[in-house]
Amino acid sequence: MVTLVKVMESPIVIDAHTRHTTKVLFSPDNSVLLTSGQDNLVHAWTVQEWTQQHTFFGHTNSVNAIALTPTMEFLVTGSTDNTVKIWNYSSGDVEYTLSGHKKTVATVAVSPTGEYIASGSYDGEVKIWNLQTGKELLTLTEIGRNVSSVDFSPDGKYLIGAGLGENIYLWTFPSCELIQRLQGHETAVNAVKFSPNGELLGSIGYEETLVIWDTRNWEQVYSLALESRAMDLTFTADSKKVAAAIDYGVRMWNLRSGDIDKQYELPIKGVYSVSVSPKRRWLAVGSADGKARVWEIRKPHQKSH
């Protein structure tokens, strides 16, 4: 049987940053697209108009990671200046600057309740912080080298982390007891992400493989070969599809079949981040040319397949 792959049309292009666009993230309420860059800034862009709504100034080096609390009261960022910042989203003011990491902060995640932050750094540590007070609660040292990605499960019961090395580390939360070392990659893991329904975990390895795990037994469902280096992944809100940012584009897989059903081509090699809007209408990527690109992947009121 021949699988038809839909090649998507040209995207909307946003001149987001003067240097590399490191992360893109749609807000939980579907109203804004956040972008961060190596120009030390974070911008918020209105969805559909794609005009600049806010700019967050304060980091002194590249902003590598962004996360929002579920209510959008706070924005959390991680930077090459070795800090995590908690911002009041509405005012743009910095509530807390969290200093504790000794090297670049590469990843941040906010717990589903909005109470906790997990941050991962090239110092090999994952730190847990109280979001309301800015206090450091715990340091996890098991990964040991260049933490690249952390994520909370949607029910808040687990924390996942990975970095340099072939293992993916799974802790219970909030007790932070290490209960699993998942092995499915070689050398390094670039990104880990839970699906919105919590039933799947996705991970991208340096060896150009996307692995999908079943969270009921932590066994592999798919091991999908990528065409090139990949740096980020995201699931659609219905957990039926997964997208990976690869060199020169994005690939999206149907998780029922394991087949690619959409592909997005770009004229730029470094594609660092990918995000799908909560209503599954828009897909955005951030890339090395400082731009964010957005595709309309689902028309309003169109049924998903």
C-alpha atoms as a PDB file:
ATOM      1  CA  MET A   1       0.000   0.000   0.000  1.00  0.00           C
ATOM      2  CA  VAL A   2       1.306   3.461  -0.922  1.00  0.00           C
ATOM      3  CA  THR A   3       1.151   6.040   1.869  1.00  0.00           C
ATOM      4  CA  LEU A   4       0.337   9.536   0.620  1.00  0.00           C
ATOM      5  CA  VAL A   5       2.314  12.299   2.313  1.00  0.00           C
ATOM      6  CA  LYS A   6       0.912  15.799   2.074  1.00  0.00           C
ATOM      7  CA  VAL A   7       3.556  18.470   1.461  1.00  0.00           C
ATOM      8  CA  MET A   8       2.247  21.656   3.041  1.00  0.00           C
ATOM      9  CA  GLU A   9       2.093  25.054   1.347  1.00  0.00           C
ATOM     10  CA  SER A  10       4.313  28.041   2.140  1.00  0.00           C
ATOM     11  CA  PRO A  11       4.126  29.279   5.735  1.00  0.00           C
ATOM     12  CA  ILE A  12       3.513  32.665   7.295  1.00  0.00           C
ATOM     13  CA  VAL A  13       6.950  34.106   8.133  1.00  0.00           C
ATOM     14  CA  ILE A  14       7.548  36.216  11.263  1.00  0.00           C
ATOM     15  CA  ASP A  15      10.800  38.182  11.666  1.00  0.00           C
ATOM     16  CA  ALA A  16      11.034  37.180  15.297  1.00  0.00           C
ATOM     17  CA  HIS A  17      14.656  37.670  16.396  1.00  0.00           C
ATOM     18  CA  THR A  18      17.920  39.192  15.192  1.00  0.00           C
ATOM     19  CA  ARG A  19      19.712  35.910  15.937  1.00  0.00           C
ATOM     20  CA  HIS A  20      18.561  32.263  16.114  1.00  0.00           C
ATOM     21  CA  THR A  21      14.962  31.649  17.207  1.00  0.00           C
ATOM     22  CA  THR A  22      15.470  28.990  19.876  1.00  0.00           C
ATOM     23  CA  LYS A  23      11.917  28.155  20.991  1.00  0.00           C
ATOM     24  CA  VAL A  24       8.315  28.598  19.896  1.00  0.00           C
ATOM     25  CA  LEU A  25       5.312  27.964  22.125  1.00  0.00           C
ATOM     26  CA  PHE A  26       1.573  28.511  21.691  1.00  0.00           C
ATOM     27  CA  SER A  27      -0.233  29.716  24.807  1.00  0.00           C
ATOM     28  CA  PRO A  28      -2.789  27.454  26.536  1.00  0.00           C
ATOM     29  CA  ASP A  29      -5.625  29.812  25.578  1.00  0.00           C
ATOM     30  CA  ASN A  30      -4.580  29.808  21.890  1.00  0.00           C
ATOM     31  CA  SER A  31      -4.203  33.615  21.861  1.00  0.00           C
ATOM     32  CA  VAL A  32      -0.442  34.092  21.427  1.00  0.00           C
ATOM     33  CA  LEU A  33       2.681  32.503  20.019  1.00  0.00           C
ATOM     34  CA  LEU A  34       5.756  32.969  22.204  1.00  0.00           C
ATOM     35  CA  THR A  35       9.239  32.988  20.689  1.00  0.00           C
ATOM     36  CA  SER A  36      12.649  33.141  22.341  1.00  0.00           C
ATOM     37  CA  GLY A  37      15.978  33.927  20.756  1.00  0.00           C
ATOM     38  CA  GLN A  38      19.715  34.190  20.981  1.00  0.00           C
ATOM     39  CA  ASP A  39      19.204  37.972  21.052  1.00  0.00           C
ATOM     40  CA  ASN A  40      18.278  37.551  24.776  1.00  0.00           C
ATOM     41  CA  LEU A  41      14.588  38.358  24.181  1.00  0.00           C
ATOM     42  CA  VAL A  42      11.172  36.706  24.364  1.00  0.00           C
ATOM     43  CA  HIS A  43       8.335  38.018  22.183  1.00  0.00           C
ATOM     44  CA  ALA A  44       4.604  37.321  22.290  1.00  0.00           C
ATOM     45  CA  TRP A  45       2.773  37.450  18.938  1.00  0.00           C
ATOM     46  CA  THR A  46      -0.994  37.575  18.493  1.00  0.00           C
ATOM     47  CA  VAL A  47      -2.371  34.452  16.843  1.00  0.00           C
ATOM     48  CA  GLN A  48      -3.847  35.059  13.357  1.00  0.00           C
ATOM     49  CA  GLU A  49      -2.666  38.674  13.093  1.00  0.00           C
ATOM     50  CA  TRP A  50       0.926  37.651  14.017  1.00  0.00           C
ATOM     51  CA  THR A  51       1.679  41.115  15.388  1.00  0.00           C
ATOM     52  CA  GLN A  52       4.006  41.704  18.339  1.00  0.00           C
ATOM     53  CA  GLN A  53       2.083  42.037  21.604  1.00  0.00           C
ATOM     54  CA  HIS A  54       4.782  41.934  24.323  1.00  0.00           C
ATOM     55  CA  THR A  55       8.555  41.781  24.619  1.00  0.00           C
ATOM     56  CA  PHE A  56      10.251  40.434  27.734  1.00  0.00           C
ATOM     57  CA  PHE A  57      13.633  42.071  28.456  1.00  0.00           C
ATOM     58  CA  GLY A  58      15.943  40.927  31.245  1.00  0.00           C
ATOM     59  CA  HIS A  59      18.234  38.049  30.311  1.00  0.00           C
ATOM     60  CA  THR A  60      21.848  38.899  29.460  1.00  0.00           C
ATOM     61  CA  ASN A  61      22.403  35.978  27.092  1.00  0.00           C
ATOM     62  CA  SER A  62      20.462  33.622  24.819  1.00  0.00           C
ATOM     63  CA  VAL A  63      16.992  32.554  25.993  1.00  0.00           C
ATOM     64  CA  ASN A  64      16.820  28.811  25.342  1.00  0.00           C
ATOM     65  CA  ALA A  65      13.627  27.679  27.046  1.00  0.00           C
ATOM     66  CA  ILE A  66      10.124  29.042  27.703  1.00  0.00           C
ATOM     67  CA  ALA A  67       7.088  27.734  29.576  1.00  0.00           C
ATOM     68  CA  LEU A  68       3.759  29.196  30.687  1.00  0.00           C
ATOM     69  CA  THR A  69       1.665  28.415  33.727  1.00  0.00           C
ATOM     70  CA  PRO A  70      -1.764  26.956  32.825  1.00  0.00           C
ATOM     71  CA  THR A  71      -3.521  30.213  33.739  1.00  0.00           C
ATOM     72  CA  MET A  72      -0.929  32.323  31.850  1.00  0.00           C
ATOM     73  CA  GLU A  73      -0.245  34.297  35.017  1.00  0.00           C
ATOM     74  CA  PHE A  74       3.477  33.569  34.785  1.00  0.00           C
ATOM     75  CA  LEU A  75       6.078  33.006  32.087  1.00  0.00           C
ATOM     76  CA  VAL A  76       9.197  30.968  32.942  1.00  0.00           C
ATOM     77  CA  THR A  77      12.421  31.259  30.925  1.00  0.00           C
ATOM     78  CA  GLY A  78      15.856  29.638  30.966  1.00  0.00           C
ATOM     79  CA  SER A  79      19.019  31.219  29.605  1.00  0.00           C
ATOM     80  CA  THR A  80      22.692  30.872  28.776  1.00  0.00           C
ATOM     81  CA  ASP A  81      23.229  33.494  31.518  1.00  0.00           C
ATOM     82  CA  ASN A  82      22.731  30.468  33.871  1.00  0.00           C
ATOM     83  CA  THR A  83      19.461  31.791  35.329  1.00  0.00           C
ATOM     84  CA  VAL A  84      15.773  30.959  35.328  1.00  0.00           C
ATOM     85  CA  LYS A  85      13.397  33.914  35.391  1.00  0.00           C
ATOM     86  CA  ILE A  86       9.763  34.000  36.481  1.00  0.00           C
ATOM     87  CA  TRP A  87       7.854  36.834  34.811  1.00  0.00           C
ATOM     88  CA  ASN A  88       4.445  38.322  35.463  1.00  0.00           C
ATOM     89  CA  TYR A  89       3.010  37.671  32.031  1.00  0.00           C
ATOM     90  CA  SER A  90       0.567  40.599  31.965  1.00  0.00           C
ATOM     91  CA  SER A  91       2.992  43.277  33.145  1.00  0.00           C
ATOM     92  CA  GLY A  92       6.217  41.831  31.731  1.00  0.00           C
ATOM     93  CA  ASP A  93       7.956  42.376  35.079  1.00  0.00           C
ATOM     94  CA  VAL A  94      10.433  39.860  36.485  1.00  0.00           C
ATOM     95  CA  GLU A  95       9.034  38.369  39.705  1.00  0.00           C
ATOM     96  CA  TYR A  96      12.096  36.237  40.513  1.00  0.00           C
ATOM     97  CA  THR A  97      15.513  35.487  39.065  1.00  0.00           C
ATOM     98  CA  LEU A  98      16.548  31.971  40.078  1.00  0.00           C
ATOM     99  CA  SER A  99      20.306  31.568  40.414  1.00  0.00           C
ATOM    100  CA  GLY A 100      21.550  28.094  41.179  1.00  0.00           C
ATOM    101  CA  HIS A 101      22.724  26.513  37.959  1.00  0.00           C
ATOM    102  CA  LYS A 102      26.397  26.781  37.102  1.00  0.00           C
ATOM    103  CA  LYS A 103      26.044  26.591  33.332  1.00  0.00           C
ATOM    104  CA  THR A 104      23.525  27.241  30.544  1.00  0.00           C
ATOM    105  CA  VAL A 105      19.881  26.542  31.401  1.00  0.00           C
ATOM    106  CA  ALA A 106      18.667  24.576  28.391  1.00  0.00           C
ATOM    107  CA  THR A 107      15.164  23.540  29.439  1.00  0.00           C
ATOM    108  CA  VAL A 108      12.308  24.513  31.766  1.00  0.00           C
ATOM    109  CA  ALA A 109       8.901  22.997  32.499  1.00  0.00           C
ATOM    110  CA  VAL A 110       5.968  24.047  34.694  1.00  0.00           C
ATOM    111  CA  SER A 111       3.960  21.460  36.632  1.00  0.00           C
ATOM    112  CA  PRO A 112       0.289  21.053  35.606  1.00  0.00           C
ATOM    113  CA  THR A 113      -0.862  22.756  38.811  1.00  0.00           C
ATOM    114  CA  GLY A 114       1.419  25.726  38.199  1.00  0.00           C
ATOM    115  CA  GLU A 115       3.103  25.244  41.585  1.00  0.00           C
ATOM    116  CA  TYR A 116       6.528  23.964  40.533  1.00  0.00           C
ATOM    117  CA  ILE A 117       9.251  24.565  37.965  1.00  0.00           C
ATOM    118  CA  ALA A 118      11.783  22.021  36.745  1.00  0.00           C
ATOM    119  CA  SER A 119      14.908  23.379  35.087  1.00  0.00           C
ATOM    120  CA  GLY A 120      17.728  21.496  33.394  1.00  0.00           C
ATOM    121  CA  SER A 121      21.223  22.773  32.760  1.00  0.00           C
ATOM    122  CA  TYR A 122      24.488  21.911  31.045  1.00  0.00           C
ATOM    123  CA  ASP A 123      25.872  21.552  34.580  1.00  0.00           C
ATOM    124  CA  GLY A 124      24.134  18.139  34.550  1.00  0.00           C
ATOM    125  CA  GLU A 125      21.547  19.022  37.177  1.00  0.00           C
ATOM    126  CA  VAL A 126      17.760  19.220  37.243  1.00  0.00           C
ATOM    127  CA  LYS A 127      16.461  21.655  39.854  1.00  0.00           C
ATOM    128  CA  ILE A 128      12.941  21.855  41.296  1.00  0.00           C
ATOM    129  CA  TRP A 129      11.694  25.300  42.336  1.00  0.00           C
ATOM    130  CA  ASN A 130       8.590  26.667  44.051  1.00  0.00           C
ATOM    131  CA  LEU A 131       7.065  28.948  41.431  1.00  0.00           C
ATOM    132  CA  GLN A 132       5.218  31.153  43.908  1.00  0.00           C
ATOM    133  CA  THR A 133       8.237  31.880  46.111  1.00  0.00           C
ATOM    134  CA  GLY A 134      11.188  31.294  43.771  1.00  0.00           C
ATOM    135  CA  LYS A 135      12.792  28.973  46.337  1.00  0.00           C
ATOM    136  CA  GLU A 136      14.935  26.025  45.253  1.00  0.00           C
ATOM    137  CA  LEU A 137      13.458  22.813  46.651  1.00  0.00           C
ATOM    138  CA  LEU A 138      15.593  19.986  45.292  1.00  0.00           C
ATOM    139  CA  THR A 139      18.487  19.155  42.960  1.00  0.00           C
ATOM    140  CA  LEU A 140      18.542  15.931  40.923  1.00  0.00           C
ATOM    141  CA  THR A 141      21.985  14.845  39.756  1.00  0.00           C
ATOM    142  CA  GLU A 142      21.327  11.498  38.049  1.00  0.00           C
ATOM    143  CA  ILE A 143      21.643  12.730  34.449  1.00  0.00           C
ATOM    144  CA  GLY A 144      25.063  14.149  35.221  1.00  0.00           C
ATOM    145  CA  ARG A 145      25.883  15.865  31.914  1.00  0.00           C
ATOM    146  CA  ASN A 146      24.237  18.490  29.688  1.00  0.00           C
ATOM    147  CA  VAL A 147      20.542  18.202  30.559  1.00  0.00           C
ATOM    148  CA  SER A 148      18.684  19.003  27.347  1.00  0.00           C
ATOM    149  CA  SER A 149      15.004  18.427  28.165  1.00  0.00           C
ATOM    150  CA  VAL A 150      12.572  18.007  31.076  1.00  0.00           C
ATOM    151  CA  ASP A 151       8.794  17.592  31.175  1.00  0.00           C
ATOM    152  CA  PHE A 152       6.014  16.902  33.678  1.00  0.00           C
ATOM    153  CA  SER A 153       3.335  14.307  32.965  1.00  0.00           C
ATOM    154  CA  PRO A 154      -0.142  15.845  32.506  1.00  0.00           C
ATOM    155  CA  ASP A 155      -1.342  14.351  35.815  1.00  0.00           C
ATOM    156  CA  GLY A 156       1.695  15.770  37.625  1.00  0.00           C
ATOM    157  CA  LYS A 157       2.775  12.366  38.957  1.00  0.00           C
ATOM    158  CA  TYR A 158       5.994  12.050  36.937  1.00  0.00           C
ATOM    159  CA  LEU A 159       8.972  14.125  35.865  1.00  0.00           C
ATOM    160  CA  ILE A 160      11.042  13.076  32.856  1.00  0.00           C
ATOM    161  CA  GLY A 161      14.534  14.269  31.964  1.00  0.00           C
ATOM    162  CA  ALA A 162      17.347  13.530  29.520  1.00  0.00           C
ATOM    163  CA  GLY A 163      20.600  14.869  28.152  1.00  0.00           C
ATOM    164  CA  LEU A 164      24.055  13.687  27.209  1.00  0.00           C
ATOM    165  CA  GLY A 165      23.983   9.897  27.487  1.00  0.00           C
ATOM    166  CA  GLU A 166      21.611   7.252  26.178  1.00  0.00           C
ATOM    167  CA  ASN A 167      19.225   7.119  29.163  1.00  0.00           C
ATOM    168  CA  ILE A 168      15.912   8.842  29.779  1.00  0.00           C
ATOM    169  CA  TYR A 169      15.302   9.355  33.511  1.00  0.00           C
ATOM    170  CA  LEU A 170      11.869   9.029  35.088  1.00  0.00           C
ATOM    171  CA  TRP A 171      11.115  10.281  38.596  1.00  0.00           C
ATOM    172  CA  THR A 172       7.939  10.185  40.649  1.00  0.00           C
ATOM    173  CA  PHE A 173       6.697  13.655  41.539  1.00  0.00           C
ATOM    174  CA  PRO A 174       6.813  15.444  43.917  1.00  0.00           C
ATOM    175  CA  SER A 175       8.877  12.857  45.824  1.00  0.00           C
ATOM    176  CA  CYS A 176      11.449  12.793  42.966  1.00  0.00           C
ATOM    177  CA  GLU A 177      12.289   9.126  43.423  1.00  0.00           C
ATOM    178  CA  LEU A 178      14.090   7.738  40.364  1.00  0.00           C
ATOM    179  CA  ILE A 179      12.048   4.745  39.153  1.00  0.00           C
ATOM    180  CA  GLN A 180      13.132   4.169  35.533  1.00  0.00           C
ATOM    181  CA  ARG A 181      16.038   4.582  33.158  1.00  0.00           C
ATOM    182  CA  LEU A 182      14.576   4.149  29.688  1.00  0.00           C
ATOM    183  CA  GLN A 183      17.012   3.020  27.008  1.00  0.00           C
ATOM    184  CA  GLY A 184      16.196   3.604  23.360  1.00  0.00           C
ATOM    185  CA  HIS A 185      18.814   6.017  22.078  1.00  0.00           C
ATOM    186  CA  GLU A 186      22.545   6.293  21.534  1.00  0.00           C
ATOM    187  CA  THR A 187      24.953   8.968  22.792  1.00  0.00           C
ATOM    188  CA  ALA A 188      22.441  11.715  23.670  1.00  0.00           C
ATOM    189  CA  VAL A 189      18.737  12.570  23.914  1.00  0.00           C
ATOM    190  CA  ASN A 190      17.766  15.966  22.511  1.00  0.00           C
ATOM    191  CA  ALA A 191      14.125  16.195  23.621  1.00  0.00           C
ATOM    192  CA  VAL A 192      11.467  14.407  25.680  1.00  0.00           C
ATOM    193  CA  LYS A 193       7.743  15.189  25.802  1.00  0.00           C
ATOM    194  CA  PHE A 194       4.580  13.648  27.262  1.00  0.00           C
ATOM    195  CA  SER A 195       1.469  13.520  25.096  1.00  0.00           C
ATOM    196  CA  PRO A 196      -1.427  15.690  26.378  1.00  0.00           C
ATOM    197  CA  ASN A 197      -3.449  12.601  27.393  1.00  0.00           C
ATOM    198  CA  GLY A 198      -0.450  11.217  29.294  1.00  0.00           C
ATOM    199  CA  GLU A 199      -0.572   7.862  27.520  1.00  0.00           C
ATOM    200  CA  LEU A 200       2.550   8.372  25.411  1.00  0.00           C
ATOM    201  CA  LEU A 201       6.060   9.752  25.784  1.00  0.00           C
ATOM    202  CA  GLY A 202       8.106  10.947  22.823  1.00  0.00           C
ATOM    203  CA  SER A 203      11.887  11.190  22.731  1.00  0.00           C
ATOM    204  CA  ILE A 204      14.370  12.302  20.076  1.00  0.00           C
ATOM    205  CA  GLY A 205      17.908  10.932  19.985  1.00  0.00           C
ATOM    206  CA  TYR A 206      21.108  12.337  18.582  1.00  0.00           C
ATOM    207  CA  GLU A 207      21.249   9.236  16.346  1.00  0.00           C
ATOM    208  CA  GLU A 208      18.242  10.650  14.388  1.00  0.00           C
ATOM    209  CA  THR A 209      15.503   8.472  15.868  1.00  0.00           C
ATOM    210  CA  LEU A 210      12.105   9.422  17.299  1.00  0.00           C
ATOM    211  CA  VAL A 211      10.882   6.890  19.867  1.00  0.00           C
ATOM    212  CA  ILE A 212       7.286   6.725  21.117  1.00  0.00           C
ATOM    213  CA  TRP A 213       6.814   5.026  24.513  1.00  0.00           C
ATOM    214  CA  ASP A 214       3.678   3.620  26.165  1.00  0.00           C
ATOM    215  CA  THR A 215       3.530   5.175  29.655  1.00  0.00           C
ATOM    216  CA  ARG A 216       1.503   2.277  31.037  1.00  0.00           C
ATOM    217  CA  ASN A 217       4.494  -0.075  30.829  1.00  0.00           C
ATOM    218  CA  TRP A 218       7.290   2.198  29.512  1.00  0.00           C
ATOM    219  CA  GLU A 219       7.729  -0.028  26.459  1.00  0.00           C
ATOM    220  CA  GLN A 220       8.446   1.270  22.954  1.00  0.00           C
ATOM    221  CA  VAL A 221       5.472   1.626  20.594  1.00  0.00           C
ATOM    222  CA  TYR A 222       7.401   3.016  17.611  1.00  0.00           C
ATOM    223  CA  SER A 223      11.012   3.727  16.735  1.00  0.00           C
ATOM    224  CA  LEU A 224      10.808   6.125  13.790  1.00  0.00           C
ATOM    225  CA  ALA A 225      13.819   6.922  11.619  1.00  0.00           C
ATOM    226  CA  LEU A 226      14.417  10.614  10.963  1.00  0.00           C
ATOM    227  CA  GLU A 227      16.033  11.998   7.818  1.00  0.00           C
ATOM    228  CA  SER A 228      18.435  14.247   9.711  1.00  0.00           C
ATOM    229  CA  ARG A 229      19.237  15.770  13.082  1.00  0.00           C
ATOM    230  CA  ALA A 230      16.171  16.645  15.148  1.00  0.00           C
ATOM    231  CA  MET A 231      16.014  19.015  18.103  1.00  0.00           C
ATOM    232  CA  ASP A 232      12.401  19.133  19.288  1.00  0.00           C
ATOM    233  CA  LEU A 233       9.032  17.392  19.182  1.00  0.00           C
ATOM    234  CA  THR A 234       5.443  18.102  20.103  1.00  0.00           C
ATOM    235  CA  PHE A 235       2.126  16.256  20.151  1.00  0.00           C
ATOM    236  CA  THR A 236      -1.182  17.563  18.882  1.00  0.00           C
ATOM    237  CA  ALA A 237      -3.753  18.321  21.595  1.00  0.00           C
ATOM    238  CA  ASP A 238      -5.734  15.158  20.813  1.00  0.00           C
ATOM    239  CA  SER A 239      -2.524  13.052  21.175  1.00  0.00           C
ATOM    240  CA  LYS A 240      -3.165  11.464  17.765  1.00  0.00           C
ATOM    241  CA  LYS A 241      -0.148  12.958  16.002  1.00  0.00           C
ATOM    242  CA  VAL A 242       3.447  13.894  16.794  1.00  0.00           C
ATOM    243  CA  ALA A 243       5.656  16.402  14.994  1.00  0.00           C
ATOM    244  CA  ALA A 244       9.459  16.611  14.999  1.00  0.00           C
ATOM    245  CA  ALA A 245      11.635  19.574  14.012  1.00  0.00           C
ATOM    246  CA  ILE A 246      14.370  18.305  11.706  1.00  0.00           C
ATOM    247  CA  ASP A 247      16.964  19.999   9.485  1.00  0.00           C
ATOM    248  CA  TYR A 248      15.165  21.766   6.633  1.00  0.00           C
ATOM    249  CA  GLY A 249      11.679  21.160   7.954  1.00  0.00           C
ATOM    250  CA  VAL A 250       9.125  19.321  10.091  1.00  0.00           C
ATOM    251  CA  ARG A 251       7.620  15.864   9.836  1.00  0.00           C
ATOM    252  CA  MET A 252       4.272  14.873  11.380  1.00  0.00           C
ATOM    253  CA  TRP A 253       3.304  11.248  12.058  1.00  0.00           C
ATOM    254  CA  ASN A 254      -0.082   9.651  12.533  1.00  0.00           C
ATOM    255  CA  LEU A 255       0.272   7.677  15.766  1.00  0.00           C
ATOM    256  CA  ARG A 256      -2.396   5.158  14.806  1.00  0.00           C
ATOM    257  CA  SER A 257      -0.361   3.916  11.846  1.00  0.00           C
ATOM    258  CA  GLY A 258       3.151   5.195  12.544  1.00  0.00           C
ATOM    259  CA  ASP A 259       3.224   6.755   9.062  1.00  0.00           C
ATOM    260  CA  ILE A 260       4.189  10.305   8.084  1.00  0.00           C
ATOM    261  CA  ASP A 261       1.088  12.153   6.894  1.00  0.00           C
ATOM    262  CA  LYS A 262       2.392  15.718   6.563  1.00  0.00           C
ATOM    263  CA  GLN A 263       5.748  17.283   5.860  1.00  0.00           C
ATOM    264  CA  TYR A 264       6.845  20.901   5.977  1.00  0.00           C
ATOM    265  CA  GLU A 265       9.887  22.034   4.001  1.00  0.00           C
ATOM    266  CA  LEU A 266      12.140  24.976   4.890  1.00  0.00           C
ATOM    267  CA  PRO A 267      15.084  26.653   3.155  1.00  0.00           C
ATOM    268  CA  ILE A 268      17.055  26.673   6.415  1.00  0.00           C
ATOM    269  CA  LYS A 269      19.075  23.902   8.033  1.00  0.00           C
ATOM    270  CA  GLY A 270      18.740  24.721  11.736  1.00  0.00           C
ATOM    271  CA  VAL A 271      15.146  24.105  12.878  1.00  0.00           C
ATOM    272  CA  TYR A 272      15.247  24.180  16.672  1.00  0.00           C
ATOM    273  CA  SER A 273      11.680  24.092  17.941  1.00  0.00           C
ATOM    274  CA  VAL A 274       8.133  23.125  17.008  1.00  0.00           C
ATOM    275  CA  SER A 275       4.737  23.818  18.596  1.00  0.00           C
ATOM    276  CA  VAL A 276       1.126  23.049  17.639  1.00  0.00           C
ATOM    277  CA  SER A 277      -1.666  25.301  18.858  1.00  0.00           C
ATOM    278  CA  PRO A 278      -4.159  23.834  21.375  1.00  0.00           C
ATOM    279  CA  LYS A 279      -6.977  23.785  18.815  1.00  0.00           C
ATOM    280  CA  ARG A 280      -4.655  22.069  16.307  1.00  0.00           C
ATOM    281  CA  ARG A 281      -5.099  24.840  13.729  1.00  0.00           C
ATOM    282  CA  TRP A 282      -1.533  26.168  13.613  1.00  0.00           C
ATOM    283  CA  LEU A 283       1.952  24.663  13.579  1.00  0.00           C
ATOM    284  CA  ALA A 284       4.964  26.895  14.287  1.00  0.00           C
ATOM    285  CA  VAL A 285       8.724  26.411  14.111  1.00  0.00           C
ATOM    286  CA  GLY A 286      11.742  28.461  15.180  1.00  0.00           C
ATOM    287  CA  SER A 287      14.937  28.411  13.168  1.00  0.00           C
ATOM    288  CA  ALA A 288      18.540  29.563  12.824  1.00  0.00           C
ATOM    289  CA  ASP A 289      17.676  32.523  10.582  1.00  0.00           C
ATOM    290  CA  GLY A 290      15.856  34.234  13.470  1.00  0.00           C
ATOM    291  CA  LYS A 291      12.412  33.647  12.019  1.00  0.00           C
ATOM    292  CA  ALA A 292       9.296  31.865  13.216  1.00  0.00           C
ATOM    293  CA  ARG A 293       7.217  30.171  10.547  1.00  0.00           C
ATOM    294  CA  VAL A 294       3.566  29.231  10.924  1.00  0.00           C
ATOM    295  CA  TRP A 295       1.422  26.879   8.858  1.00  0.00           C
ATOM    296  CA  GLU A 296      -2.352  26.580   9.019  1.00  0.00           C
ATOM    297  CA  ILE A 297      -2.676  22.804   9.312  1.00  0.00           C
ATOM    298  CA  ARG A 298      -6.391  22.570  10.047  1.00  0.00           C
ATOM    299  CA  LYS A 299      -9.175  24.890   8.947  1.00  0.00           C
ATOM    300  CA  PRO A 300     -11.662  26.124  11.587  1.00  0.00           C
ATOM    301  CA  HIS A 301     -14.372  23.501  12.271  1.00  0.00           C
ATOM    302  CA  GLN A 302     -12.504  20.928  10.155  1.00  0.00           C
ATOM    303  CA  LYS A 303     -12.720  17.457  11.678  1.00  0.00           C
ATOM    304  CA  SER A 304      -9.478  15.689  12.580  1.00  0.00           C
ATOM    305  CA  HIS A 305      -8.645  12.345  11.028  1.00  0.00           C
END
